Amino acid sequence: MKTIKAVIWVGSSHQDLQDFPKDARGIAGHQLWNVQRRLEPSDWKPMENIGPGTKEIRVQDASGIFRVFYVARFEEGVYVLHCLQKKTQKTPLRDLRIAKIRYQAVLLERRKEAAS
């Protein structure tokens, strides 16, 4: 049996998720739990423009539309790159940039650890 992957929070992603309304936070947390167990979230889409293997958990409830960008392709864990509430259909460029920068930081840190 495969082990459950750790969640590795990048930047302010943990606090950003904590700032979601209770119901949205619960849904997102449950979907991350699925990812930790190597299952697919119930509502997601690939976000390859952020980085290879990046996916977006899509949460919608009475309080709004929320997104969690993560990458789970690395054996050591599920990297949560960015969490946000969407106000429009299109994801703001600012949020995409944050996720891309954090993805690059993950790659850099993994290279450093592999070299040591």
PDB file of N, CA and C in Angstrom:
ATOM      1  N   MET A   1       0.842  -1.194   0.000  1.00  0.00           N
ATOM      2  CA  MET A   1       0.000   0.000   0.000  1.00  0.00           C
ATOM      3  C   MET A   1       0.879   1.246   0.000  1.00  0.00           C
ATOM      4  N   LYS A   2       0.530   2.212  -0.806  1.00  0.00           N
ATOM      5  CA  LYS A   2       1.304   3.447  -0.877  1.00  0.00           C
ATOM      6  C   LYS A   2       0.992   4.325   0.325  1.00  0.00           C
ATOM      7  N   THR A   3       1.997   5.060   0.753  1.00  0.00           N
ATOM      8  CA  THR A   3       1.817   5.935   1.905  1.00  0.00           C
ATOM      9  C   THR A   3       1.088   7.220   1.516  1.00  0.00           C
ATOM     10  N   ILE A   4       0.549   7.854   2.527  1.00  0.00           N
ATOM     11  CA  ILE A   4      -0.119   9.139   2.327  1.00  0.00           C
ATOM     12  C   ILE A   4       0.953  10.204   2.185  1.00  0.00           C
ATOM     13  N   LYS A   5       0.804  11.044   1.191  1.00  0.00           N
ATOM     14  CA  LYS A   5       1.780  12.113   0.966  1.00  0.00           C
ATOM     15  C   LYS A   5       1.563  13.255   1.952  1.00  0.00           C
ATOM     16  N   ALA A   6       2.644  13.873   2.334  1.00  0.00           N
ATOM     17  CA  ALA A   6       2.583  15.065   3.189  1.00  0.00           C
ATOM     18  C   ALA A   6       2.111  16.249   2.356  1.00  0.00           C
ATOM     19  N   VAL A   7       1.478  17.207   3.016  1.00  0.00           N
ATOM     20  CA  VAL A   7       1.165  18.486   2.369  1.00  0.00           C
ATOM     21  C   VAL A   7       2.300  19.435   2.697  1.00  0.00           C
ATOM     22  N   ILE A   8       2.846  20.054   1.688  1.00  0.00           N
ATOM     23  CA  ILE A   8       3.937  21.015   1.845  1.00  0.00           C
ATOM     24  C   ILE A   8       3.406  22.362   1.373  1.00  0.00           C
ATOM     25  N   TRP A   9       3.232  23.269   2.326  1.00  0.00           N
ATOM     26  CA  TRP A   9       2.666  24.583   2.029  1.00  0.00           C
ATOM     27  C   TRP A   9       3.765  25.504   1.527  1.00  0.00           C
ATOM     28  N   VAL A  10       3.519  26.197   0.453  1.00  0.00           N
ATOM     29  CA  VAL A  10       4.506  27.097  -0.149  1.00  0.00           C
ATOM     30  C   VAL A  10       4.017  28.529   0.033  1.00  0.00           C
ATOM     31  N   GLY A  11       4.917  29.394   0.516  1.00  0.00           N
ATOM     32  CA  GLY A  11       4.560  30.799   0.715  1.00  0.00           C
ATOM     33  C   GLY A  11       3.418  30.936   1.699  1.00  0.00           C
ATOM     34  N   SER A  12       2.457  31.762   1.358  1.00  0.00           N
ATOM     35  CA  SER A  12       1.319  32.026   2.243  1.00  0.00           C
ATOM     36  C   SER A  12       0.129  31.108   1.965  1.00  0.00           C
ATOM     37  N   SER A  13       0.343  30.030   1.232  1.00  0.00           N
ATOM     38  CA  SER A  13      -0.783  29.198   0.798  1.00  0.00           C
ATOM     39  C   SER A  13      -1.596  28.638   1.969  1.00  0.00           C
ATOM     40  N   HIS A  14      -0.945  28.260   3.066  1.00  0.00           N
ATOM     41  CA  HIS A  14      -1.691  27.720   4.204  1.00  0.00           C
ATOM     42  C   HIS A  14      -2.595  28.784   4.812  1.00  0.00           C
ATOM     43  N   GLN A  15      -2.050  29.970   5.030  1.00  0.00           N
ATOM     44  CA  GLN A  15      -2.861  31.053   5.584  1.00  0.00           C
ATOM     45  C   GLN A  15      -3.974  31.450   4.614  1.00  0.00           C
ATOM     46  N   ASP A  16      -3.654  31.451   3.333  1.00  0.00           N
ATOM     47  CA  ASP A  16      -4.669  31.798   2.331  1.00  0.00           C
ATOM     48  C   ASP A  16      -5.831  30.809   2.379  1.00  0.00           C
ATOM     49  N   LEU A  17      -5.538  29.531   2.542  1.00  0.00           N
ATOM     50  CA  LEU A  17      -6.606  28.535   2.663  1.00  0.00           C
ATOM     51  C   LEU A  17      -7.375  28.727   3.965  1.00  0.00           C
ATOM     52  N   GLN A  18      -6.668  29.039   5.039  1.00  0.00           N
ATOM     53  CA  GLN A  18      -7.335  29.281   6.315  1.00  0.00           C
ATOM     54  C   GLN A  18      -8.299  30.465   6.231  1.00  0.00           C
ATOM     55  N   ASP A  19      -8.033  31.387   5.329  1.00  0.00           N
ATOM     56  CA  ASP A  19      -8.889  32.565   5.156  1.00  0.00           C
ATOM     57  C   ASP A  19     -10.158  32.279   4.349  1.00  0.00           C
ATOM     58  N   PHE A  20     -10.246  31.109   3.725  1.00  0.00           N
ATOM     59  CA  PHE A  20     -11.479  30.740   3.020  1.00  0.00           C
ATOM     60  C   PHE A  20     -12.615  30.657   4.039  1.00  0.00           C
ATOM     61  N   PRO A  21     -13.851  30.907   3.616  1.00  0.00           N
ATOM     62  CA  PRO A  21     -14.993  30.655   4.509  1.00  0.00           C
ATOM     63  C   PRO A  21     -15.018  29.176   4.915  1.00  0.00           C
ATOM     64  N   LYS A  22     -15.629  28.895   6.040  1.00  0.00           N
ATOM     65  CA  LYS A  22     -15.598  27.554   6.638  1.00  0.00           C
ATOM     66  C   LYS A  22     -15.977  26.442   5.655  1.00  0.00           C
ATOM     67  N   ASP A  23     -17.089  26.586   4.964  1.00  0.00           N
ATOM     68  CA  ASP A  23     -17.541  25.522   4.051  1.00  0.00           C
ATOM     69  C   ASP A  23     -16.555  25.302   2.906  1.00  0.00           C
ATOM     70  N   ALA A  24     -16.096  26.383   2.298  1.00  0.00           N
ATOM     71  CA  ALA A  24     -15.136  26.278   1.194  1.00  0.00           C
ATOM     72  C   ALA A  24     -13.830  25.669   1.682  1.00  0.00           C
ATOM     73  N   ARG A  25     -13.390  26.052   2.876  1.00  0.00           N
ATOM     74  CA  ARG A  25     -12.167  25.504   3.469  1.00  0.00           C
ATOM     75  C   ARG A  25     -12.319  23.998   3.684  1.00  0.00           C
ATOM     76  N   GLY A  26     -13.478  23.590   4.155  1.00  0.00           N
ATOM     77  CA  GLY A  26     -13.728  22.169   4.379  1.00  0.00           C
ATOM     78  C   GLY A  26     -13.700  21.361   3.094  1.00  0.00           C
ATOM     79  N   ILE A  27     -14.323  21.891   2.052  1.00  0.00           N
ATOM     80  CA  ILE A  27     -14.326  21.205   0.758  1.00  0.00           C
ATOM     81  C   ILE A  27     -12.906  21.107   0.214  1.00  0.00           C
ATOM     82  N   ALA A  28     -12.177  22.220   0.247  1.00  0.00           N
ATOM     83  CA  ALA A  28     -10.802  22.230  -0.262  1.00  0.00           C
ATOM     84  C   ALA A  28      -9.929  21.263   0.541  1.00  0.00           C
ATOM     85  N   GLY A  29     -10.098  21.255   1.859  1.00  0.00           N
ATOM     86  CA  GLY A  29      -9.328  20.346   2.704  1.00  0.00           C
ATOM     87  C   GLY A  29      -9.613  18.900   2.379  1.00  0.00           C
ATOM     88  N   HIS A  30     -10.878  18.571   2.147  1.00  0.00           N
ATOM     89  CA  HIS A  30     -11.234  17.197   1.787  1.00  0.00           C
ATOM     90  C   HIS A  30     -10.611  16.810   0.443  1.00  0.00           C
ATOM     91  N   GLN A  31     -10.624  17.727  -0.510  1.00  0.00           N
ATOM     92  CA  GLN A  31     -10.039  17.438  -1.816  1.00  0.00           C
ATOM     93  C   GLN A  31      -8.518  17.257  -1.720  1.00  0.00           C
ATOM     94  N   LEU A  32      -7.873  18.067  -0.868  1.00  0.00           N
ATOM     95  CA  LEU A  32      -6.429  17.877  -0.655  1.00  0.00           C
ATOM     96  C   LEU A  32      -6.156  16.529   0.002  1.00  0.00           C
ATOM     97  N   TRP A  33      -7.030  16.111   0.899  1.00  0.00           N
ATOM     98  CA  TRP A  33      -6.887  14.796   1.535  1.00  0.00           C
ATOM     99  C   TRP A  33      -6.931  13.700   0.469  1.00  0.00           C
ATOM    100  N   ASN A  34      -7.833  13.839  -0.508  1.00  0.00           N
ATOM    101  CA  ASN A  34      -7.866  12.878  -1.612  1.00  0.00           C
ATOM    102  C   ASN A  34      -6.541  12.860  -2.355  1.00  0.00           C
ATOM    103  N   VAL A  35      -6.003  14.036  -2.631  1.00  0.00           N
ATOM    104  CA  VAL A  35      -4.728  14.130  -3.349  1.00  0.00           C
ATOM    105  C   VAL A  35      -3.615  13.473  -2.521  1.00  0.00           C
ATOM    106  N   GLN A  36      -3.619  13.698  -1.216  1.00  0.00           N
ATOM    107  CA  GLN A  36      -2.619  13.068  -0.355  1.00  0.00           C
ATOM    108  C   GLN A  36      -2.683  11.545  -0.458  1.00  0.00           C
ATOM    109  N   ARG A  37      -3.866  11.018  -0.671  1.00  0.00           N
ATOM    110  CA  ARG A  37      -4.055   9.565  -0.793  1.00  0.00           C
ATOM    111  C   ARG A  37      -3.909   9.092  -2.235  1.00  0.00           C
ATOM    112  N   ARG A  38      -3.403   9.976  -3.090  1.00  0.00           N
ATOM    113  CA  ARG A  38      -3.117   9.674  -4.492  1.00  0.00           C
ATOM    114  C   ARG A  38      -4.381   9.459  -5.323  1.00  0.00           C
ATOM    115  N   LEU A  39      -5.448  10.131  -4.915  1.00  0.00           N
ATOM    116  CA  LEU A  39      -6.700  10.121  -5.658  1.00  0.00           C
ATOM    117  C   LEU A  39      -6.879  11.475  -6.331  1.00  0.00           C
ATOM    118  N   GLU A  40      -7.763  11.535  -7.300  1.00  0.00           N
ATOM    119  CA  GLU A  40      -8.041  12.804  -7.964  1.00  0.00           C
ATOM    120  C   GLU A  40      -9.099  13.570  -7.168  1.00  0.00           C
ATOM    121  N   PRO A  41      -8.989  14.895  -7.116  1.00  0.00           N
ATOM    122  CA  PRO A  41     -10.067  15.691  -6.535  1.00  0.00           C
ATOM    123  C   PRO A  41     -11.332  15.525  -7.380  1.00  0.00           C
ATOM    124  N   SER A  42     -12.480  15.837  -6.816  1.00  0.00           N
ATOM    125  CA  SER A  42     -13.725  15.658  -7.559  1.00  0.00           C
ATOM    126  C   SER A  42     -13.902  16.698  -8.673  1.00  0.00           C
ATOM    127  N   ASP A  43     -13.320  17.882  -8.517  1.00  0.00           N
ATOM    128  CA  ASP A  43     -13.435  18.922  -9.545  1.00  0.00           C
ATOM    129  C   ASP A  43     -12.079  19.602  -9.686  1.00  0.00           C
ATOM    130  N   TRP A  44     -11.417  19.356 -10.793  1.00  0.00           N
ATOM    131  CA  TRP A  44     -10.078  19.902 -11.001  1.00  0.00           C
ATOM    132  C   TRP A  44      -9.833  20.099 -12.494  1.00  0.00           C
ATOM    133  N   LYS A  45      -8.767  20.851 -12.763  1.00  0.00           N
ATOM    134  CA  LYS A  45      -8.294  20.955 -14.146  1.00  0.00           C
ATOM    135  C   LYS A  45      -6.788  21.140 -14.124  1.00  0.00           C
ATOM    136  N   PRO A  46      -6.104  20.719 -15.191  1.00  0.00           N
ATOM    137  CA  PRO A  46      -4.655  20.897 -15.255  1.00  0.00           C
ATOM    138  C   PRO A  46      -4.299  22.368 -15.427  1.00  0.00           C
ATOM    139  N   MET A  47      -3.173  22.757 -14.848  1.00  0.00           N
ATOM    140  CA  MET A  47      -2.682  24.136 -14.965  1.00  0.00           C
ATOM    141  C   MET A  47      -1.219  24.093 -15.415  1.00  0.00           C
ATOM    142  N   GLU A  48      -0.989  23.459 -16.556  1.00  0.00           N
ATOM    143  CA  GLU A  48       0.364  23.276 -17.076  1.00  0.00           C
ATOM    144  C   GLU A  48       1.070  24.608 -17.336  1.00  0.00           C
ATOM    145  N   ASN A  49       0.316  25.695 -17.510  1.00  0.00           N
ATOM    146  CA  ASN A  49       0.933  27.003 -17.734  1.00  0.00           C
ATOM    147  C   ASN A  49       1.660  27.493 -16.476  1.00  0.00           C
ATOM    148  N   ILE A  50       1.329  26.926 -15.319  1.00  0.00           N
ATOM    149  CA  ILE A  50       2.054  27.253 -14.080  1.00  0.00           C
ATOM    150  C   ILE A  50       3.319  26.417 -14.003  1.00  0.00           C
ATOM    151  N   GLY A  51       3.207  25.138 -14.329  1.00  0.00           N
ATOM    152  CA  GLY A  51       4.338  24.231 -14.312  1.00  0.00           C
ATOM    153  C   GLY A  51       3.859  22.813 -14.551  1.00  0.00           C
ATOM    154  N   PRO A  52       4.721  21.942 -15.072  1.00  0.00           N
ATOM    155  CA  PRO A  52       4.325  20.566 -15.354  1.00  0.00           C
ATOM    156  C   PRO A  52       3.760  19.872 -14.107  1.00  0.00           C
ATOM    157  N   GLY A  53       2.613  19.253 -14.278  1.00  0.00           N
ATOM    158  CA  GLY A  53       1.995  18.519 -13.185  1.00  0.00           C
ATOM    159  C   GLY A  53       1.126  19.353 -12.265  1.00  0.00           C
ATOM    160  N   THR A  54       1.059  20.660 -12.496  1.00  0.00           N
ATOM    161  CA  THR A  54       0.249  21.519 -11.628  1.00  0.00           C
ATOM    162  C   THR A  54      -1.229  21.346 -11.968  1.00  0.00           C
ATOM    163  N   LYS A  55      -2.028  21.275 -10.905  1.00  0.00           N
ATOM    164  CA  LYS A  55      -3.473  21.143 -11.061  1.00  0.00           C
ATOM    165  C   LYS A  55      -4.169  22.183 -10.198  1.00  0.00           C
ATOM    166  N   GLU A  56      -5.428  22.403 -10.522  1.00  0.00           N
ATOM    167  CA  GLU A  56      -6.245  23.376  -9.812  1.00  0.00           C
ATOM    168  C   GLU A  56      -7.459  22.645  -9.243  1.00  0.00           C
ATOM    169  N   ILE A  57      -7.615  22.688  -7.919  1.00  0.00           N
ATOM    170  CA  ILE A  57      -8.839  22.206  -7.296  1.00  0.00           C
ATOM    171  C   ILE A  57      -9.853  23.331  -7.396  1.00  0.00           C
ATOM    172  N   ARG A  58     -11.042  22.994  -7.867  1.00  0.00           N
ATOM    173  CA  ARG A  58     -12.087  23.996  -8.065  1.00  0.00           C
ATOM    174  C   ARG A  58     -13.171  23.795  -7.015  1.00  0.00           C
ATOM    175  N   VAL A  59     -13.427  24.843  -6.248  1.00  0.00           N
ATOM    176  CA  VAL A  59     -14.425  24.805  -5.179  1.00  0.00           C
ATOM    177  C   VAL A  59     -15.413  25.931  -5.421  1.00  0.00           C
ATOM    178  N   GLN A  60     -16.678  25.591  -5.370  1.00  0.00           N
ATOM    179  CA  GLN A  60     -17.705  26.614  -5.468  1.00  0.00           C
ATOM    180  C   GLN A  60     -18.763  26.313  -4.417  1.00  0.00           C
ATOM    181  N   ASP A  61     -19.073  27.321  -3.618  1.00  0.00           N
ATOM    182  CA  ASP A  61     -20.149  27.176  -2.641  1.00  0.00           C
ATOM    183  C   ASP A  61     -20.917  28.490  -2.576  1.00  0.00           C
ATOM    184  N   ALA A  62     -21.796  28.618  -1.610  1.00  0.00           N
ATOM    185  CA  ALA A  62     -22.651  29.803  -1.510  1.00  0.00           C
ATOM    186  C   ALA A  62     -21.858  31.095  -1.341  1.00  0.00           C
ATOM    187  N   SER A  63     -20.647  30.998  -0.800  1.00  0.00           N
ATOM    188  CA  SER A  63     -19.861  32.208  -0.543  1.00  0.00           C
ATOM    189  C   SER A  63     -18.946  32.600  -1.697  1.00  0.00           C
ATOM    190  N   GLY A  64     -18.873  31.775  -2.743  1.00  0.00           N
ATOM    191  CA  GLY A  64     -18.056  32.178  -3.878  1.00  0.00           C
ATOM    192  C   GLY A  64     -17.346  31.033  -4.572  1.00  0.00           C
ATOM    193  N   ILE A  65     -16.354  31.428  -5.370  1.00  0.00           N
ATOM    194  CA  ILE A  65     -15.551  30.496  -6.169  1.00  0.00           C
ATOM    195  C   ILE A  65     -14.128  30.560  -5.635  1.00  0.00           C
ATOM    196  N   PHE A  66     -13.544  29.375  -5.358  1.00  0.00           N
ATOM    197  CA  PHE A  66     -12.225  29.292  -4.753  1.00  0.00           C
ATOM    198  C   PHE A  66     -11.363  28.312  -5.545  1.00  0.00           C
ATOM    199  N   ARG A  67     -10.064  28.548  -5.507  1.00  0.00           N
ATOM    200  CA  ARG A  67      -9.123  27.689  -6.222  1.00  0.00           C
ATOM    201  C   ARG A  67      -7.919  27.371  -5.339  1.00  0.00           C
ATOM    202  N   VAL A  68      -7.405  26.153  -5.518  1.00  0.00           N
ATOM    203  CA  VAL A  68      -6.183  25.709  -4.845  1.00  0.00           C
ATOM    204  C   VAL A  68      -5.276  25.146  -5.931  1.00  0.00           C
ATOM    205  N   PHE A  69      -4.129  25.782  -6.152  1.00  0.00           N
ATOM    206  CA  PHE A  69      -3.142  25.291  -7.112  1.00  0.00           C
ATOM    207  C   PHE A  69      -2.155  24.410  -6.364  1.00  0.00           C
ATOM    208  N   TYR A  70      -1.910  23.225  -6.912  1.00  0.00           N
ATOM    209  CA  TYR A  70      -0.989  22.300  -6.248  1.00  0.00           C
ATOM    210  C   TYR A  70      -0.253  21.463  -7.287  1.00  0.00           C
ATOM    211  N   VAL A  71       0.830  20.848  -6.838  1.00  0.00           N
ATOM    212  CA  VAL A  71       1.547  19.886  -7.672  1.00  0.00           C
ATOM    213  C   VAL A  71       1.840  18.670  -6.796  1.00  0.00           C
ATOM    214  N   ALA A  72       1.469  17.498  -7.298  1.00  0.00           N
ATOM    215  CA  ALA A  72       1.619  16.261  -6.522  1.00  0.00           C
ATOM    216  C   ALA A  72       2.503  15.251  -7.236  1.00  0.00           C
ATOM    217  N   ARG A  73       3.241  15.670  -8.238  1.00  0.00           N
ATOM    218  CA  ARG A  73       4.025  14.729  -9.033  1.00  0.00           C
ATOM    219  C   ARG A  73       5.322  14.303  -8.342  1.00  0.00           C
ATOM    220  N   PHE A  74       5.674  14.970  -7.261  1.00  0.00           N
ATOM    221  CA  PHE A  74       6.896  14.628  -6.544  1.00  0.00           C
ATOM    222  C   PHE A  74       6.566  13.682  -5.396  1.00  0.00           C
ATOM    223  N   GLU A  75       7.398  12.680  -5.204  1.00  0.00           N
ATOM    224  CA  GLU A  75       7.114  11.631  -4.229  1.00  0.00           C
ATOM    225  C   GLU A  75       7.056  12.141  -2.790  1.00  0.00           C
ATOM    226  N   GLU A  76       7.814  13.188  -2.482  1.00  0.00           N
ATOM    227  CA  GLU A  76       7.900  13.640  -1.089  1.00  0.00           C
ATOM    228  C   GLU A  76       6.644  14.322  -0.574  1.00  0.00           C
ATOM    229  N   GLY A  77       5.773  14.768  -1.470  1.00  0.00           N
ATOM    230  CA  GLY A  77       4.571  15.401  -0.959  1.00  0.00           C
ATOM    231  C   GLY A  77       3.767  16.146  -2.000  1.00  0.00           C
ATOM    232  N   VAL A  78       2.693  16.729  -1.514  1.00  0.00           N
ATOM    233  CA  VAL A  78       1.803  17.564  -2.313  1.00  0.00           C
ATOM    234  C   VAL A  78       2.159  19.009  -1.991  1.00  0.00           C
ATOM    235  N   TYR A  79       2.686  19.716  -2.954  1.00  0.00           N
ATOM    236  CA  TYR A  79       3.036  21.116  -2.767  1.00  0.00           C
ATOM    237  C   TYR A  79       1.823  21.985  -3.077  1.00  0.00           C
ATOM    238  N   VAL A  80       1.326  22.702  -2.085  1.00  0.00           N
ATOM    239  CA  VAL A  80       0.227  23.637  -2.304  1.00  0.00           C
ATOM    240  C   VAL A  80       0.864  24.982  -2.628  1.00  0.00           C
ATOM    241  N   LEU A  81       0.685  25.426  -3.855  1.00  0.00           N
ATOM    242  CA  LEU A  81       1.367  26.616  -4.347  1.00  0.00           C
ATOM    243  C   LEU A  81       0.621  27.906  -4.036  1.00  0.00           C
ATOM    244  N   HIS A  82      -0.700  27.875  -4.158  1.00  0.00           N
ATOM    245  CA  HIS A  82      -1.454  29.117  -4.002  1.00  0.00           C
ATOM    246  C   HIS A  82      -2.928  28.794  -3.813  1.00  0.00           C
ATOM    247  N   CYS A  83      -3.593  29.571  -2.977  1.00  0.00           N
ATOM    248  CA  CYS A  83      -5.034  29.439  -2.741  1.00  0.00           C
ATOM    249  C   CYS A  83      -5.659  30.819  -2.913  1.00  0.00           C
ATOM    250  N   LEU A  84      -6.802  30.879  -3.586  1.00  0.00           N
ATOM    251  CA  LEU A  84      -7.404  32.174  -3.858  1.00  0.00           C
ATOM    252  C   LEU A  84      -8.907  32.070  -4.015  1.00  0.00           C
ATOM    253  N   GLN A  85      -9.557  33.219  -3.845  1.00  0.00           N
ATOM    254  CA  GLN A  85     -10.964  33.346  -4.175  1.00  0.00           C
ATOM    255  C   GLN A  85     -11.047  34.091  -5.494  1.00  0.00           C
ATOM    256  N   LYS A  86     -11.823  33.552  -6.418  1.00  0.00           N
ATOM    257  CA  LYS A  86     -11.988  34.194  -7.722  1.00  0.00           C
ATOM    258  C   LYS A  86     -13.187  35.128  -7.688  1.00  0.00           C
ATOM    259  N   LYS A  87     -13.027  36.284  -8.308  1.00  0.00           N
ATOM    260  CA  LYS A  87     -14.111  37.258  -8.415  1.00  0.00           C
ATOM    261  C   LYS A  87     -14.698  37.275  -9.824  1.00  0.00           C
ATOM    262  N   THR A  88     -13.929  36.731 -10.792  1.00  0.00           N
ATOM    263  CA  THR A  88     -14.366  36.692 -12.185  1.00  0.00           C
ATOM    264  C   THR A  88     -14.109  35.297 -12.739  1.00  0.00           C
ATOM    265  N   GLN A  89     -14.589  35.037 -13.955  1.00  0.00           N
ATOM    266  CA  GLN A  89     -14.373  33.738 -14.589  1.00  0.00           C
ATOM    267  C   GLN A  89     -12.886  33.469 -14.827  1.00  0.00           C
ATOM    268  N   LYS A  90     -12.167  34.489 -15.223  1.00  0.00           N
ATOM    269  CA  LYS A  90     -10.751  34.330 -15.561  1.00  0.00           C
ATOM    270  C   LYS A  90      -9.891  34.494 -14.313  1.00  0.00           C
ATOM    271  N   THR A  91      -8.904  33.604 -14.166  1.00  0.00           N
ATOM    272  CA  THR A  91      -7.982  33.708 -13.034  1.00  0.00           C
ATOM    273  C   THR A  91      -7.082  34.932 -13.239  1.00  0.00           C
ATOM    274  N   PRO A  92      -7.005  35.810 -12.243  1.00  0.00           N
ATOM    275  CA  PRO A  92      -6.163  37.005 -12.385  1.00  0.00           C
ATOM    276  C   PRO A  92      -4.692  36.648 -12.654  1.00  0.00           C
ATOM    277  N   LEU A  93      -4.057  37.428 -13.535  1.00  0.00           N
ATOM    278  CA  LEU A  93      -2.643  37.197 -13.865  1.00  0.00           C
ATOM    279  C   LEU A  93      -1.763  37.238 -12.626  1.00  0.00           C
ATOM    280  N   ARG A  94      -2.093  38.105 -11.687  1.00  0.00           N
ATOM    281  CA  ARG A  94      -1.324  38.208 -10.444  1.00  0.00           C
ATOM    282  C   ARG A  94      -1.266  36.853  -9.736  1.00  0.00           C
ATOM    283  N   ASP A  95      -2.391  36.166  -9.662  1.00  0.00           N
ATOM    284  CA  ASP A  95      -2.445  34.875  -8.991  1.00  0.00           C
ATOM    285  C   ASP A  95      -1.694  33.803  -9.773  1.00  0.00           C
ATOM    286  N   LEU A  96      -1.782  33.843 -11.082  1.00  0.00           N
ATOM    287  CA  LEU A  96      -1.018  32.906 -11.901  1.00  0.00           C
ATOM    288  C   LEU A  96       0.479  33.122 -11.720  1.00  0.00           C
ATOM    289  N   ARG A  97       0.894  34.404 -11.649  1.00  0.00           N
ATOM    290  CA  ARG A  97       2.312  34.718 -11.437  1.00  0.00           C
ATOM    291  C   ARG A  97       2.802  34.209 -10.087  1.00  0.00           C
ATOM    292  N   ILE A  98       1.992  34.402  -9.060  1.00  0.00           N
ATOM    293  CA  ILE A  98       2.361  33.917  -7.720  1.00  0.00           C
ATOM    294  C   ILE A  98       2.591  32.408  -7.768  1.00  0.00           C
ATOM    295  N   ALA A  99       1.664  31.687  -8.372  1.00  0.00           N
ATOM    296  CA  ALA A  99       1.785  30.231  -8.449  1.00  0.00           C
ATOM    297  C   ALA A  99       3.024  29.811  -9.245  1.00  0.00           C
ATOM    298  N   LYS A 100       3.304  30.497 -10.355  1.00  0.00           N
ATOM    299  CA  LYS A 100       4.477  30.169 -11.176  1.00  0.00           C
ATOM    300  C   LYS A 100       5.769  30.404 -10.400  1.00  0.00           C
ATOM    301  N   ILE A 101       5.853  31.523  -9.705  1.00  0.00           N
ATOM    302  CA  ILE A 101       7.054  31.842  -8.920  1.00  0.00           C
ATOM    303  C   ILE A 101       7.255  30.792  -7.833  1.00  0.00           C
ATOM    304  N   ARG A 102       6.187  30.397  -7.181  1.00  0.00           N
ATOM    305  CA  ARG A 102       6.293  29.386  -6.122  1.00  0.00           C
ATOM    306  C   ARG A 102       6.656  28.023  -6.693  1.00  0.00           C
ATOM    307  N   TYR A 103       6.146  27.710  -7.866  1.00  0.00           N
ATOM    308  CA  TYR A 103       6.520  26.452  -8.519  1.00  0.00           C
ATOM    309  C   TYR A 103       8.020  26.439  -8.791  1.00  0.00           C
ATOM    310  N   GLN A 104       8.536  27.541  -9.324  1.00  0.00           N
ATOM    311  CA  GLN A 104       9.974  27.630  -9.596  1.00  0.00           C
ATOM    312  C   GLN A 104      10.786  27.524  -8.302  1.00  0.00           C
ATOM    313  N   ALA A 105      10.275  28.107  -7.218  1.00  0.00           N
ATOM    314  CA  ALA A 105      10.962  28.013  -5.920  1.00  0.00           C
ATOM    315  C   ALA A 105      11.013  26.559  -5.435  1.00  0.00           C
ATOM    316  N   VAL A 106       9.940  25.825  -5.660  1.00  0.00           N
ATOM    317  CA  VAL A 106       9.918  24.397  -5.285  1.00  0.00           C
ATOM    318  C   VAL A 106      10.989  23.649  -6.065  1.00  0.00           C
ATOM    319  N   LEU A 107      11.064  23.882  -7.363  1.00  0.00           N
ATOM    320  CA  LEU A 107      12.077  23.208  -8.181  1.00  0.00           C
ATOM    321  C   LEU A 107      13.487  23.537  -7.708  1.00  0.00           C
ATOM    322  N   LEU A 108      13.726  24.799  -7.403  1.00  0.00           N
ATOM    323  CA  LEU A 108      15.041  25.223  -6.936  1.00  0.00           C
ATOM    324  C   LEU A 108      15.396  24.554  -5.611  1.00  0.00           C
ATOM    325  N   GLU A 109      14.473  24.537  -4.690  1.00  0.00           N
ATOM    326  CA  GLU A 109      14.706  23.906  -3.387  1.00  0.00           C
ATOM    327  C   GLU A 109      14.957  22.406  -3.532  1.00  0.00           C
ATOM    328  N   ARG A 110      14.225  21.760  -4.398  1.00  0.00           N
ATOM    329  CA  ARG A 110      14.427  20.320  -4.623  1.00  0.00           C
ATOM    330  C   ARG A 110      15.810  20.061  -5.217  1.00  0.00           C
ATOM    331  N   ARG A 111      16.263  20.937  -6.117  1.00  0.00           N
ATOM    332  CA  ARG A 111      17.608  20.781  -6.690  1.00  0.00           C
ATOM    333  C   ARG A 111      18.672  20.941  -5.619  1.00  0.00           C
ATOM    334  N   LYS A 112      18.496  21.936  -4.745  1.00  0.00           N
ATOM    335  CA  LYS A 112      19.456  22.164  -3.658  1.00  0.00           C
ATOM    336  C   LYS A 112      19.530  20.945  -2.751  1.00  0.00           C
ATOM    337  N   GLU A 113      18.374  20.397  -2.392  1.00  0.00           N
ATOM    338  CA  GLU A 113      18.347  19.225  -1.509  1.00  0.00           C
ATOM    339  C   GLU A 113      18.975  18.018  -2.174  1.00  0.00           C
ATOM    340  N   ALA A 114      18.768  17.850  -3.462  1.00  0.00           N
ATOM    341  CA  ALA A 114      19.336  16.716  -4.187  1.00  0.00           C
ATOM    342  C   ALA A 114      20.862  16.823  -4.285  1.00  0.00           C
ATOM    343  N   ALA A 115      21.351  18.064  -4.347  1.00  0.00           N
ATOM    344  CA  ALA A 115      22.795  18.284  -4.471  1.00  0.00           C
ATOM    345  C   ALA A 115      23.522  18.094  -3.149  1.00  0.00           C
ATOM    346  N   SER A 116      22.818  18.206  -2.031  1.00  0.00           N
ATOM    347  CA  SER A 116      23.505  18.099  -0.731  1.00  0.00           C
ATOM    348  C   SER A 116      23.522  16.688  -0.196  1.00  0.00           C
TER     349      SER A 116
END
